[in-house]
Amino acid sequence: MKFPAHALIAREKLAGYLLRQLPENDKSGFLAQAGYTLAHAERLERDLSDQILTREAQFVEQTEYGGKYSIQGPLTGPNGRTLNVVTIWMTEDATGLTKFITLYPAKKR
């Protein structure tokens, strides 16, 4: 299944979580390999929409809040380097909105 192009990617999720160095579950170092920094939150948002959201989503599980899905694929950053990522999305039952939850490195095959 493919999600609508207007899925919500909260800038605060990108700048306040993914691109900020954290003591646990830090993803900023991984994303920095492709040139994503706090200064590139808008670019990351656009790249997730253009490069990842256009791919097929796979159902993961039904939660109490809605269906959880994953989309795996290449994400090419500002410096031209490509990272293989898994992104997690949720379609809320209450609102019908699809929202970006997180991303992490895809496992090497």
PDB file of N, CA and C in Angstrom:
ATOM      1  N   MET A   1       0.840  -1.174   0.000  1.00  0.00           N
ATOM      2  CA  MET A   1       0.000   0.000   0.000  1.00  0.00           C
ATOM      3  C   MET A   1       0.885   1.236   0.000  1.00  0.00           C
ATOM      4  N   LYS A   2       0.394   2.289  -0.606  1.00  0.00           N
ATOM      5  CA  LYS A   2       1.119   3.560  -0.595  1.00  0.00           C
ATOM      6  C   LYS A   2       0.319   4.573   0.204  1.00  0.00           C
ATOM      7  N   PHE A   3       1.056   5.407   0.937  1.00  0.00           N
ATOM      8  CA  PHE A   3       0.425   6.444   1.748  1.00  0.00           C
ATOM      9  C   PHE A   3       0.181   7.694   0.918  1.00  0.00           C
ATOM     10  N   PRO A   4      -0.757   8.520   1.360  1.00  0.00           N
ATOM     11  CA  PRO A   4      -0.983   9.791   0.666  1.00  0.00           C
ATOM     12  C   PRO A   4       0.213  10.718   0.839  1.00  0.00           C
ATOM     13  N   ALA A   5       0.427  11.577  -0.147  1.00  0.00           N
ATOM     14  CA  ALA A   5       1.566  12.502  -0.127  1.00  0.00           C
ATOM     15  C   ALA A   5       1.494  13.494   1.030  1.00  0.00           C
ATOM     16  N   HIS A   6       0.311  13.671   1.606  1.00  0.00           N
ATOM     17  CA  HIS A   6       0.150  14.649   2.693  1.00  0.00           C
ATOM     18  C   HIS A   6       0.326  14.023   4.085  1.00  0.00           C
ATOM     19  N   ALA A   7       0.997  12.880   4.175  1.00  0.00           N
ATOM     20  CA  ALA A   7       1.272  12.282   5.487  1.00  0.00           C
ATOM     21  C   ALA A   7       2.068  13.284   6.320  1.00  0.00           C
ATOM     22  N   LEU A   8       1.808  13.285   7.609  1.00  0.00           N
ATOM     23  CA  LEU A   8       2.406  14.274   8.513  1.00  0.00           C
ATOM     24  C   LEU A   8       3.804  13.849   8.964  1.00  0.00           C
ATOM     25  N   ILE A   9       4.773  14.728   8.715  1.00  0.00           N
ATOM     26  CA  ILE A   9       6.135  14.534   9.204  1.00  0.00           C
ATOM     27  C   ILE A   9       6.426  15.747  10.073  1.00  0.00           C
ATOM     28  N   ALA A  10       6.342  15.570  11.373  1.00  0.00           N
ATOM     29  CA  ALA A  10       6.498  16.688  12.313  1.00  0.00           C
ATOM     30  C   ALA A  10       7.954  17.149  12.357  1.00  0.00           C
ATOM     31  N   ARG A  11       8.176  18.419  12.089  1.00  0.00           N
ATOM     32  CA  ARG A  11       9.523  18.990  12.110  1.00  0.00           C
ATOM     33  C   ARG A  11      10.161  18.792  13.482  1.00  0.00           C
ATOM     34  N   GLU A  12       9.370  18.883  14.543  1.00  0.00           N
ATOM     35  CA  GLU A  12       9.910  18.685  15.890  1.00  0.00           C
ATOM     36  C   GLU A  12      10.442  17.261  16.069  1.00  0.00           C
ATOM     37  N   LYS A  13       9.818  16.291  15.424  1.00  0.00           N
ATOM     38  CA  LYS A  13      10.301  14.901  15.491  1.00  0.00           C
ATOM     39  C   LYS A  13      11.681  14.814  14.851  1.00  0.00           C
ATOM     40  N   LEU A  14      11.888  15.554  13.778  1.00  0.00           N
ATOM     41  CA  LEU A  14      13.175  15.526  13.081  1.00  0.00           C
ATOM     42  C   LEU A  14      14.234  16.300  13.853  1.00  0.00           C
ATOM     43  N   ALA A  15      13.945  17.573  14.154  1.00  0.00           N
ATOM     44  CA  ALA A  15      14.929  18.448  14.812  1.00  0.00           C
ATOM     45  C   ALA A  15      15.100  18.117  16.289  1.00  0.00           C
ATOM     46  N   GLY A  16      14.033  17.715  16.965  1.00  0.00           N
ATOM     47  CA  GLY A  16      14.097  17.471  18.396  1.00  0.00           C
ATOM     48  C   GLY A  16      14.455  16.055  18.779  1.00  0.00           C
ATOM     49  N   TYR A  17      14.486  15.154  17.802  1.00  0.00           N
ATOM     50  CA  TYR A  17      14.746  13.752  18.122  1.00  0.00           C
ATOM     51  C   TYR A  17      15.786  13.140  17.175  1.00  0.00           C
ATOM     52  N   LEU A  18      15.485  13.049  15.894  1.00  0.00           N
ATOM     53  CA  LEU A  18      16.381  12.339  14.973  1.00  0.00           C
ATOM     54  C   LEU A  18      17.703  13.055  14.723  1.00  0.00           C
ATOM     55  N   LEU A  19      17.674  14.369  14.622  1.00  0.00           N
ATOM     56  CA  LEU A  19      18.881  15.112  14.274  1.00  0.00           C
ATOM     57  C   LEU A  19      19.610  15.682  15.490  1.00  0.00           C
ATOM     58  N   ARG A  20      19.097  15.425  16.668  1.00  0.00           N
ATOM     59  CA  ARG A  20      19.722  15.904  17.903  1.00  0.00           C
ATOM     60  C   ARG A  20      20.455  14.733  18.552  1.00  0.00           C
ATOM     61  N   GLN A  21      21.695  14.962  18.965  1.00  0.00           N
ATOM     62  CA  GLN A  21      22.458  13.903  19.607  1.00  0.00           C
ATOM     63  C   GLN A  21      21.823  13.569  20.949  1.00  0.00           C
ATOM     64  N   LEU A  22      21.550  12.293  21.153  1.00  0.00           N
ATOM     65  CA  LEU A  22      20.893  11.810  22.369  1.00  0.00           C
ATOM     66  C   LEU A  22      21.769  10.776  23.055  1.00  0.00           C
ATOM     67  N   PRO A  23      21.662  10.651  24.390  1.00  0.00           N
ATOM     68  CA  PRO A  23      22.486   9.672  25.106  1.00  0.00           C
ATOM     69  C   PRO A  23      22.086   8.220  24.800  1.00  0.00           C
ATOM     70  N   GLU A  24      20.825   7.999  24.408  1.00  0.00           N
ATOM     71  CA  GLU A  24      20.348   6.650  24.073  1.00  0.00           C
ATOM     72  C   GLU A  24      19.581   6.702  22.767  1.00  0.00           C
ATOM     73  N   ASN A  25      19.659   5.630  21.999  1.00  0.00           N
ATOM     74  CA  ASN A  25      18.949   5.521  20.725  1.00  0.00           C
ATOM     75  C   ASN A  25      19.237   6.689  19.798  1.00  0.00           C
ATOM     76  N   ASP A  26      20.468   7.153  19.793  1.00  0.00           N
ATOM     77  CA  ASP A  26      20.863   8.287  18.959  1.00  0.00           C
ATOM     78  C   ASP A  26      20.879   7.890  17.489  1.00  0.00           C
ATOM     79  N   LYS A  27      20.226   8.698  16.670  1.00  0.00           N
ATOM     80  CA  LYS A  27      20.207   8.464  15.229  1.00  0.00           C
ATOM     81  C   LYS A  27      20.907   9.591  14.476  1.00  0.00           C
ATOM     82  N   SER A  28      21.313  10.638  15.210  1.00  0.00           N
ATOM     83  CA  SER A  28      21.917  11.797  14.559  1.00  0.00           C
ATOM     84  C   SER A  28      23.240  11.442  13.861  1.00  0.00           C
ATOM     85  N   GLY A  29      24.034  10.583  14.466  1.00  0.00           N
ATOM     86  CA  GLY A  29      25.303  10.189  13.854  1.00  0.00           C
ATOM     87  C   GLY A  29      25.095   9.415  12.561  1.00  0.00           C
ATOM     88  N   PHE A  30      24.114   8.541  12.557  1.00  0.00           N
ATOM     89  CA  PHE A  30      23.769   7.783  11.353  1.00  0.00           C
ATOM     90  C   PHE A  30      23.342   8.731  10.234  1.00  0.00           C
ATOM     91  N   LEU A  31      22.432   9.658  10.552  1.00  0.00           N
ATOM     92  CA  LEU A  31      21.948  10.595   9.542  1.00  0.00           C
ATOM     93  C   LEU A  31      23.026  11.572   9.091  1.00  0.00           C
ATOM     94  N   ALA A  32      23.964  11.901   9.975  1.00  0.00           N
ATOM     95  CA  ALA A  32      25.063  12.815   9.626  1.00  0.00           C
ATOM     96  C   ALA A  32      25.943  12.227   8.526  1.00  0.00           C
ATOM     97  N   GLN A  33      25.994  10.899   8.408  1.00  0.00           N
ATOM     98  CA  GLN A  33      26.782  10.270   7.351  1.00  0.00           C
ATOM     99  C   GLN A  33      26.317  10.710   5.962  1.00  0.00           C
ATOM    100  N   ALA A  34      25.033  11.064   5.842  1.00  0.00           N
ATOM    101  CA  ALA A  34      24.469  11.521   4.569  1.00  0.00           C
ATOM    102  C   ALA A  34      24.386  13.046   4.517  1.00  0.00           C
ATOM    103  N   GLY A  35      24.925  13.719   5.542  1.00  0.00           N
ATOM    104  CA  GLY A  35      24.948  15.173   5.541  1.00  0.00           C
ATOM    105  C   GLY A  35      23.783  15.842   6.232  1.00  0.00           C
ATOM    106  N   TYR A  36      22.938  15.065   6.902  1.00  0.00           N
ATOM    107  CA  TYR A  36      21.805  15.652   7.625  1.00  0.00           C
ATOM    108  C   TYR A  36      22.264  16.142   8.998  1.00  0.00           C
ATOM    109  N   THR A  37      22.024  17.397   9.288  1.00  0.00           N
ATOM    110  CA  THR A  37      22.303  17.985  10.592  1.00  0.00           C
ATOM    111  C   THR A  37      21.059  18.746  11.025  1.00  0.00           C
ATOM    112  N   LEU A  38      21.107  19.360  12.197  1.00  0.00           N
ATOM    113  CA  LEU A  38      19.971  20.172  12.653  1.00  0.00           C
ATOM    114  C   LEU A  38      19.608  21.238  11.626  1.00  0.00           C
ATOM    115  N   ALA A  39      20.604  21.755  10.939  1.00  0.00           N
ATOM    116  CA  ALA A  39      20.364  22.786   9.926  1.00  0.00           C
ATOM    117  C   ALA A  39      19.638  22.230   8.695  1.00  0.00           C
ATOM    118  N   HIS A  40      19.539  20.894   8.592  1.00  0.00           N
ATOM    119  CA  HIS A  40      18.919  20.263   7.433  1.00  0.00           C
ATOM    120  C   HIS A  40      17.582  19.585   7.762  1.00  0.00           C
ATOM    121  N   ALA A  41      16.915  19.997   8.822  1.00  0.00           N
ATOM    122  CA  ALA A  41      15.644  19.363   9.198  1.00  0.00           C
ATOM    123  C   ALA A  41      14.613  19.488   8.076  1.00  0.00           C
ATOM    124  N   GLU A  42      14.557  20.650   7.454  1.00  0.00           N
ATOM    125  CA  GLU A  42      13.601  20.843   6.356  1.00  0.00           C
ATOM    126  C   GLU A  42      13.937  19.934   5.173  1.00  0.00           C
ATOM    127  N   ARG A  43      15.215  19.793   4.888  1.00  0.00           N
ATOM    128  CA  ARG A  43      15.640  18.921   3.794  1.00  0.00           C
ATOM    129  C   ARG A  43      15.304  17.465   4.111  1.00  0.00           C
ATOM    130  N   LEU A  44      15.513  17.033   5.355  1.00  0.00           N
ATOM    131  CA  LEU A  44      15.169  15.669   5.743  1.00  0.00           C
ATOM    132  C   LEU A  44      13.670  15.438   5.588  1.00  0.00           C
ATOM    133  N   GLU A  45      12.879  16.401   6.001  1.00  0.00           N
ATOM    134  CA  GLU A  45      11.422  16.294   5.846  1.00  0.00           C
ATOM    135  C   GLU A  45      11.053  16.115   4.371  1.00  0.00           C
ATOM    136  N   ARG A  46      11.619  16.926   3.521  1.00  0.00           N
ATOM    137  CA  ARG A  46      11.328  16.865   2.083  1.00  0.00           C
ATOM    138  C   ARG A  46      11.825  15.540   1.487  1.00  0.00           C
ATOM    139  N   ASP A  47      13.014  15.109   1.889  1.00  0.00           N
ATOM    140  CA  ASP A  47      13.559  13.861   1.358  1.00  0.00           C
ATOM    141  C   ASP A  47      12.747  12.643   1.804  1.00  0.00           C
ATOM    142  N   LEU A  48      12.276  12.653   3.033  1.00  0.00           N
ATOM    143  CA  LEU A  48      11.408  11.553   3.480  1.00  0.00           C
ATOM    144  C   LEU A  48      10.139  11.504   2.639  1.00  0.00           C
ATOM    145  N   SER A  49       9.564  12.663   2.362  1.00  0.00           N
ATOM    146  CA  SER A  49       8.351  12.722   1.536  1.00  0.00           C
ATOM    147  C   SER A  49       8.629  12.265   0.112  1.00  0.00           C
ATOM    148  N   ASP A  50       9.702  12.767  -0.478  1.00  0.00           N
ATOM    149  CA  ASP A  50       9.989  12.502  -1.890  1.00  0.00           C
ATOM    150  C   ASP A  50      10.614  11.143  -2.158  1.00  0.00           C
ATOM    151  N   GLN A  51      11.466  10.680  -1.247  1.00  0.00           N
ATOM    152  CA  GLN A  51      12.225   9.456  -1.505  1.00  0.00           C
ATOM    153  C   GLN A  51      11.656   8.208  -0.830  1.00  0.00           C
ATOM    154  N   ILE A  52      11.033   8.379   0.328  1.00  0.00           N
ATOM    155  CA  ILE A  52      10.567   7.222   1.097  1.00  0.00           C
ATOM    156  C   ILE A  52       9.051   7.052   1.020  1.00  0.00           C
ATOM    157  N   LEU A  53       8.327   8.122   1.218  1.00  0.00           N
ATOM    158  CA  LEU A  53       6.861   8.050   1.272  1.00  0.00           C
ATOM    159  C   LEU A  53       6.253   7.561  -0.038  1.00  0.00           C
ATOM    160  N   THR A  54       6.972   7.647  -1.125  1.00  0.00           N
ATOM    161  CA  THR A  54       6.479   7.200  -2.425  1.00  0.00           C
ATOM    162  C   THR A  54       6.602   5.689  -2.603  1.00  0.00           C
ATOM    163  N   ARG A  55       7.239   5.008  -1.669  1.00  0.00           N
ATOM    164  CA  ARG A  55       7.455   3.561  -1.753  1.00  0.00           C
ATOM    165  C   ARG A  55       6.301   2.800  -1.077  1.00  0.00           C
ATOM    166  N   GLU A  56       6.269   1.520  -1.300  1.00  0.00           N
ATOM    167  CA  GLU A  56       5.242   0.659  -0.711  1.00  0.00           C
ATOM    168  C   GLU A  56       5.443   0.507   0.796  1.00  0.00           C
ATOM    169  N   ALA A  57       4.352   0.639   1.536  1.00  0.00           N
ATOM    170  CA  ALA A  57       4.363   0.448   2.986  1.00  0.00           C
ATOM    171  C   ALA A  57       3.918  -0.976   3.311  1.00  0.00           C
ATOM    172  N   GLN A  58       4.554  -1.547   4.313  1.00  0.00           N
ATOM    173  CA  GLN A  58       4.212  -2.894   4.768  1.00  0.00           C
ATOM    174  C   GLN A  58       3.555  -2.807   6.146  1.00  0.00           C
ATOM    175  N   PHE A  59       2.418  -3.463   6.311  1.00  0.00           N
ATOM    176  CA  PHE A  59       1.737  -3.479   7.606  1.00  0.00           C
ATOM    177  C   PHE A  59       2.606  -4.212   8.615  1.00  0.00           C
ATOM    178  N   VAL A  60       2.739  -3.610   9.811  1.00  0.00           N
ATOM    179  CA  VAL A  60       3.531  -4.214  10.886  1.00  0.00           C
ATOM    180  C   VAL A  60       2.609  -4.783  11.951  1.00  0.00           C
ATOM    181  N   GLU A  61       1.724  -3.927  12.494  1.00  0.00           N
ATOM    182  CA  GLU A  61       0.823  -4.378  13.550  1.00  0.00           C
ATOM    183  C   GLU A  61      -0.270  -3.341  13.779  1.00  0.00           C
ATOM    184  N   GLN A  62      -1.335  -3.804  14.404  1.00  0.00           N
ATOM    185  CA  GLN A  62      -2.403  -2.914  14.829  1.00  0.00           C
ATOM    186  C   GLN A  62      -2.165  -2.578  16.300  1.00  0.00           C
ATOM    187  N   THR A  63      -2.086  -1.292  16.618  1.00  0.00           N
ATOM    188  CA  THR A  63      -1.921  -0.869  18.007  1.00  0.00           C
ATOM    189  C   THR A  63      -3.237  -0.297  18.500  1.00  0.00           C
ATOM    190  N   GLU A  64      -3.266   0.100  19.744  1.00  0.00           N
ATOM    191  CA  GLU A  64      -4.495   0.693  20.278  1.00  0.00           C
ATOM    192  C   GLU A  64      -4.800   2.047  19.646  1.00  0.00           C
ATOM    193  N   TYR A  65      -3.792   2.657  18.990  1.00  0.00           N
ATOM    194  CA  TYR A  65      -3.974   3.977  18.382  1.00  0.00           C
ATOM    195  C   TYR A  65      -4.184   3.928  16.875  1.00  0.00           C
ATOM    196  N   GLY A  66      -3.764   2.830  16.253  1.00  0.00           N
ATOM    197  CA  GLY A  66      -3.924   2.709  14.809  1.00  0.00           C
ATOM    198  C   GLY A  66      -2.958   1.701  14.221  1.00  0.00           C
ATOM    199  N   GLY A  67      -2.997   1.584  12.902  1.00  0.00           N
ATOM    200  CA  GLY A  67      -2.130   0.649  12.207  1.00  0.00           C
ATOM    201  C   GLY A  67      -0.720   1.191  12.072  1.00  0.00           C
ATOM    202  N   LYS A  68       0.256   0.330  12.351  1.00  0.00           N
ATOM    203  CA  LYS A  68       1.668   0.714  12.247  1.00  0.00           C
ATOM    204  C   LYS A  68       2.229   0.048  10.990  1.00  0.00           C
ATOM    205  N   TYR A  69       3.016   0.829  10.239  1.00  0.00           N
ATOM    206  CA  TYR A  69       3.564   0.381   8.969  1.00  0.00           C
ATOM    207  C   TYR A  69       5.050   0.710   8.876  1.00  0.00           C
ATOM    208  N   SER A  70       5.754  -0.011   8.017  1.00  0.00           N
ATOM    209  CA  SER A  70       7.154   0.311   7.760  1.00  0.00           C
ATOM    210  C   SER A  70       7.345   0.516   6.264  1.00  0.00           C
ATOM    211  N   ILE A  71       8.284   1.397   5.954  1.00  0.00           N
ATOM    212  CA  ILE A  71       8.715   1.600   4.577  1.00  0.00           C
ATOM    213  C   ILE A  71      10.234   1.558   4.609  1.00  0.00           C
ATOM    214  N   GLN A  72      10.805   0.669   3.816  1.00  0.00           N
ATOM    215  CA  GLN A  72      12.255   0.538   3.749  1.00  0.00           C
ATOM    216  C   GLN A  72      12.727   1.033   2.396  1.00  0.00           C
ATOM    217  N   GLY A  73      13.869   1.715   2.389  1.00  0.00           N
ATOM    218  CA  GLY A  73      14.410   2.157   1.120  1.00  0.00           C
ATOM    219  C   GLY A  73      15.615   3.037   1.279  1.00  0.00           C
ATOM    220  N   PRO A  74      16.177   3.461   0.146  1.00  0.00           N
ATOM    221  CA  PRO A  74      17.350   4.335   0.156  1.00  0.00           C
ATOM    222  C   PRO A  74      16.955   5.782   0.405  1.00  0.00           C
ATOM    223  N   LEU A  75      17.772   6.474   1.171  1.00  0.00           N
ATOM    224  CA  LEU A  75      17.580   7.893   1.467  1.00  0.00           C
ATOM    225  C   LEU A  75      18.898   8.592   1.143  1.00  0.00           C
ATOM    226  N   THR A  76      18.876   9.416   0.092  1.00  0.00           N
ATOM    227  CA  THR A  76      20.075  10.127  -0.335  1.00  0.00           C
ATOM    228  C   THR A  76      20.066  11.519   0.269  1.00  0.00           C
ATOM    229  N   GLY A  77      21.122  11.833   1.019  1.00  0.00           N
ATOM    230  CA  GLY A  77      21.188  13.085   1.770  1.00  0.00           C
ATOM    231  C   GLY A  77      21.829  14.226   1.015  1.00  0.00           C
ATOM    232  N   PRO A  78      21.976  15.354   1.701  1.00  0.00           N
ATOM    233  CA  PRO A  78      22.523  16.568   1.103  1.00  0.00           C
ATOM    234  C   PRO A  78      23.938  16.414   0.540  1.00  0.00           C
ATOM    235  N   ASN A  79      24.715  15.484   1.074  1.00  0.00           N
ATOM    236  CA  ASN A  79      26.084  15.302   0.590  1.00  0.00           C
ATOM    237  C   ASN A  79      26.178  14.245  -0.509  1.00  0.00           C
ATOM    238  N   GLY A  80      25.027  13.684  -0.907  1.00  0.00           N
ATOM    239  CA  GLY A  80      25.001  12.698  -1.981  1.00  0.00           C
ATOM    240  C   GLY A  80      25.149  11.258  -1.532  1.00  0.00           C
ATOM    241  N   ARG A  81      25.435  11.042  -0.273  1.00  0.00           N
ATOM    242  CA  ARG A  81      25.563   9.677   0.248  1.00  0.00           C
ATOM    243  C   ARG A  81      24.185   9.086   0.496  1.00  0.00           C
ATOM    244  N   THR A  82      24.034   7.803   0.200  1.00  0.00           N
ATOM    245  CA  THR A  82      22.761   7.117   0.363  1.00  0.00           C
ATOM    246  C   THR A  82      22.804   6.185   1.562  1.00  0.00           C
ATOM    247  N   LEU A  83      21.798   6.313   2.421  1.00  0.00           N
ATOM    248  CA  LEU A  83      21.630   5.436   3.578  1.00  0.00           C
ATOM    249  C   LEU A  83      20.438   4.529   3.321  1.00  0.00           C
ATOM    250  N   ASN A  84      20.533   3.277   3.734  1.00  0.00           N
ATOM    251  CA  ASN A  84      19.380   2.386   3.665  1.00  0.00           C
ATOM    252  C   ASN A  84      18.664   2.466   5.002  1.00  0.00           C
ATOM    253  N   VAL A  85      17.410   2.887   4.961  1.00  0.00           N
ATOM    254  CA  VAL A  85      16.658   3.133   6.183  1.00  0.00           C
ATOM    255  C   VAL A  85      15.353   2.345   6.218  1.00  0.00           C
ATOM    256  N   VAL A  86      14.874   2.154   7.427  1.00  0.00           N
ATOM    257  CA  VAL A  86      13.530   1.663   7.678  1.00  0.00           C
ATOM    258  C   VAL A  86      12.814   2.804   8.386  1.00  0.00           C
ATOM    259  N   THR A  87      11.673   3.197   7.868  1.00  0.00           N
ATOM    260  CA  THR A  87      10.874   4.230   8.517  1.00  0.00           C
ATOM    261  C   THR A  87       9.598   3.594   9.051  1.00  0.00           C
ATOM    262  N   ILE A  88       9.108   4.148  10.151  1.00  0.00           N
ATOM    263  CA  ILE A  88       7.884   3.656  10.779  1.00  0.00           C
ATOM    264  C   ILE A  88       6.838   4.763  10.716  1.00  0.00           C
ATOM    265  N   TRP A  89       5.636   4.385  10.348  1.00  0.00           N
ATOM    266  CA  TRP A  89       4.507   5.303  10.178  1.00  0.00           C
ATOM    267  C   TRP A  89       3.296   4.722  10.891  1.00  0.00           C
ATOM    268  N   MET A  90       2.369   5.586  11.260  1.00  0.00           N
ATOM    269  CA  MET A  90       1.121   5.121  11.863  1.00  0.00           C
ATOM    270  C   MET A  90      -0.052   5.863  11.239  1.00  0.00           C
ATOM    271  N   THR A  91      -1.094   5.117  10.921  1.00  0.00           N
ATOM    272  CA  THR A  91      -2.348   5.726  10.498  1.00  0.00           C
ATOM    273  C   THR A  91      -3.281   5.661  11.698  1.00  0.00           C
ATOM    274  N   GLU A  92      -3.546   6.829  12.275  1.00  0.00           N
ATOM    275  CA  GLU A  92      -4.360   6.896  13.492  1.00  0.00           C
ATOM    276  C   GLU A  92      -5.811   6.527  13.208  1.00  0.00           C
ATOM    277  N   ASP A  93      -6.345   5.663  14.046  1.00  0.00           N
ATOM    278  CA  ASP A  93      -7.755   5.293  13.918  1.00  0.00           C
ATOM    279  C   ASP A  93      -8.667   6.490  14.171  1.00  0.00           C
ATOM    280  N   ALA A  94      -8.337   7.289  15.160  1.00  0.00           N
ATOM    281  CA  ALA A  94      -9.214   8.394  15.571  1.00  0.00           C
ATOM    282  C   ALA A  94      -9.317   9.496  14.514  1.00  0.00           C
ATOM    283  N   THR A  95      -8.220   9.776  13.810  1.00  0.00           N
ATOM    284  CA  THR A  95      -8.202  10.905  12.875  1.00  0.00           C
ATOM    285  C   THR A  95      -8.067  10.499  11.415  1.00  0.00           C
ATOM    286  N   GLY A  96      -7.573   9.281  11.169  1.00  0.00           N
ATOM    287  CA  GLY A  96      -7.303   8.845   9.808  1.00  0.00           C
ATOM    288  C   GLY A  96      -6.005   9.401   9.251  1.00  0.00           C
ATOM    289  N   LEU A  97      -5.284  10.208  10.053  1.00  0.00           N
ATOM    290  CA  LEU A  97      -4.027  10.802   9.611  1.00  0.00           C
ATOM    291  C   LEU A  97      -2.890   9.789   9.665  1.00  0.00           C
ATOM    292  N   THR A  98      -2.029   9.842   8.661  1.00  0.00           N
ATOM    293  CA  THR A  98      -0.817   9.034   8.657  1.00  0.00           C
ATOM    294  C   THR A  98       0.316   9.923   9.131  1.00  0.00           C
ATOM    295  N   LYS A  99       1.059   9.432  10.128  1.00  0.00           N
ATOM    296  CA  LYS A  99       2.124  10.216  10.747  1.00  0.00           C
ATOM    297  C   LYS A  99       3.425   9.442  10.754  1.00  0.00           C
ATOM    298  N   PHE A 100       4.518  10.181  10.527  1.00  0.00           N
ATOM    299  CA  PHE A 100       5.857   9.621  10.638  1.00  0.00           C
ATOM    300  C   PHE A 100       6.174   9.408  12.116  1.00  0.00           C
ATOM    301  N   ILE A 101       6.728   8.245  12.446  1.00  0.00           N
ATOM    302  CA  ILE A 101       7.072   7.933  13.833  1.00  0.00           C
ATOM    303  C   ILE A 101       8.588   7.990  14.040  1.00  0.00           C
ATOM    304  N   THR A 102       9.346   7.237  13.258  1.00  0.00           N
ATOM    305  CA  THR A 102      10.799   7.214  13.430  1.00  0.00           C
ATOM    306  C   THR A 102      11.463   6.566  12.226  1.00  0.00           C
ATOM    307  N   LEU A 103      12.787   6.555  12.259  1.00  0.00           N
ATOM    308  CA  LEU A 103      13.560   5.797  11.276  1.00  0.00           C
ATOM    309  C   LEU A 103      14.771   5.202  11.964  1.00  0.00           C
ATOM    310  N   TYR A 104      15.320   4.171  11.354  1.00  0.00           N
ATOM    311  CA  TYR A 104      16.539   3.552  11.844  1.00  0.00           C
ATOM    312  C   TYR A 104      17.252   2.874  10.669  1.00  0.00           C
ATOM    313  N   PRO A 105      18.518   2.543  10.847  1.00  0.00           N
ATOM    314  CA  PRO A 105      19.256   1.895   9.750  1.00  0.00           C
ATOM    315  C   PRO A 105      18.650   0.546   9.392  1.00  0.00           C
ATOM    316  N   ALA A 106      18.560   0.265   8.106  1.00  0.00           N
ATOM    317  CA  ALA A 106      18.107  -1.044   7.663  1.00  0.00           C
ATOM    318  C   ALA A 106      19.247  -2.039   7.915  1.00  0.00           C
ATOM    319  N   LYS A 107      18.885  -3.258   8.258  1.00  0.00           N
ATOM    320  CA  LYS A 107      19.904  -4.285   8.470  1.00  0.00           C
ATOM    321  C   LYS A 107      20.498  -4.692   7.127  1.00  0.00           C
ATOM    322  N   LYS A 108      21.799  -4.905   7.134  1.00  0.00           N
ATOM    323  CA  LYS A 108      22.464  -5.339   5.909  1.00  0.00           C
ATOM    324  C   LYS A 108      22.091  -6.772   5.628  1.00  0.00           C
ATOM    325  N   ARG A 109      21.915  -7.054   4.351  1.00  0.00           N
ATOM    326  CA  ARG A 109      21.528  -8.416   3.960  1.00  0.00           C
ATOM    327  C   ARG A 109      22.726  -9.257   3.690  1.00  0.00           C
TER     328      ARG A 109
END
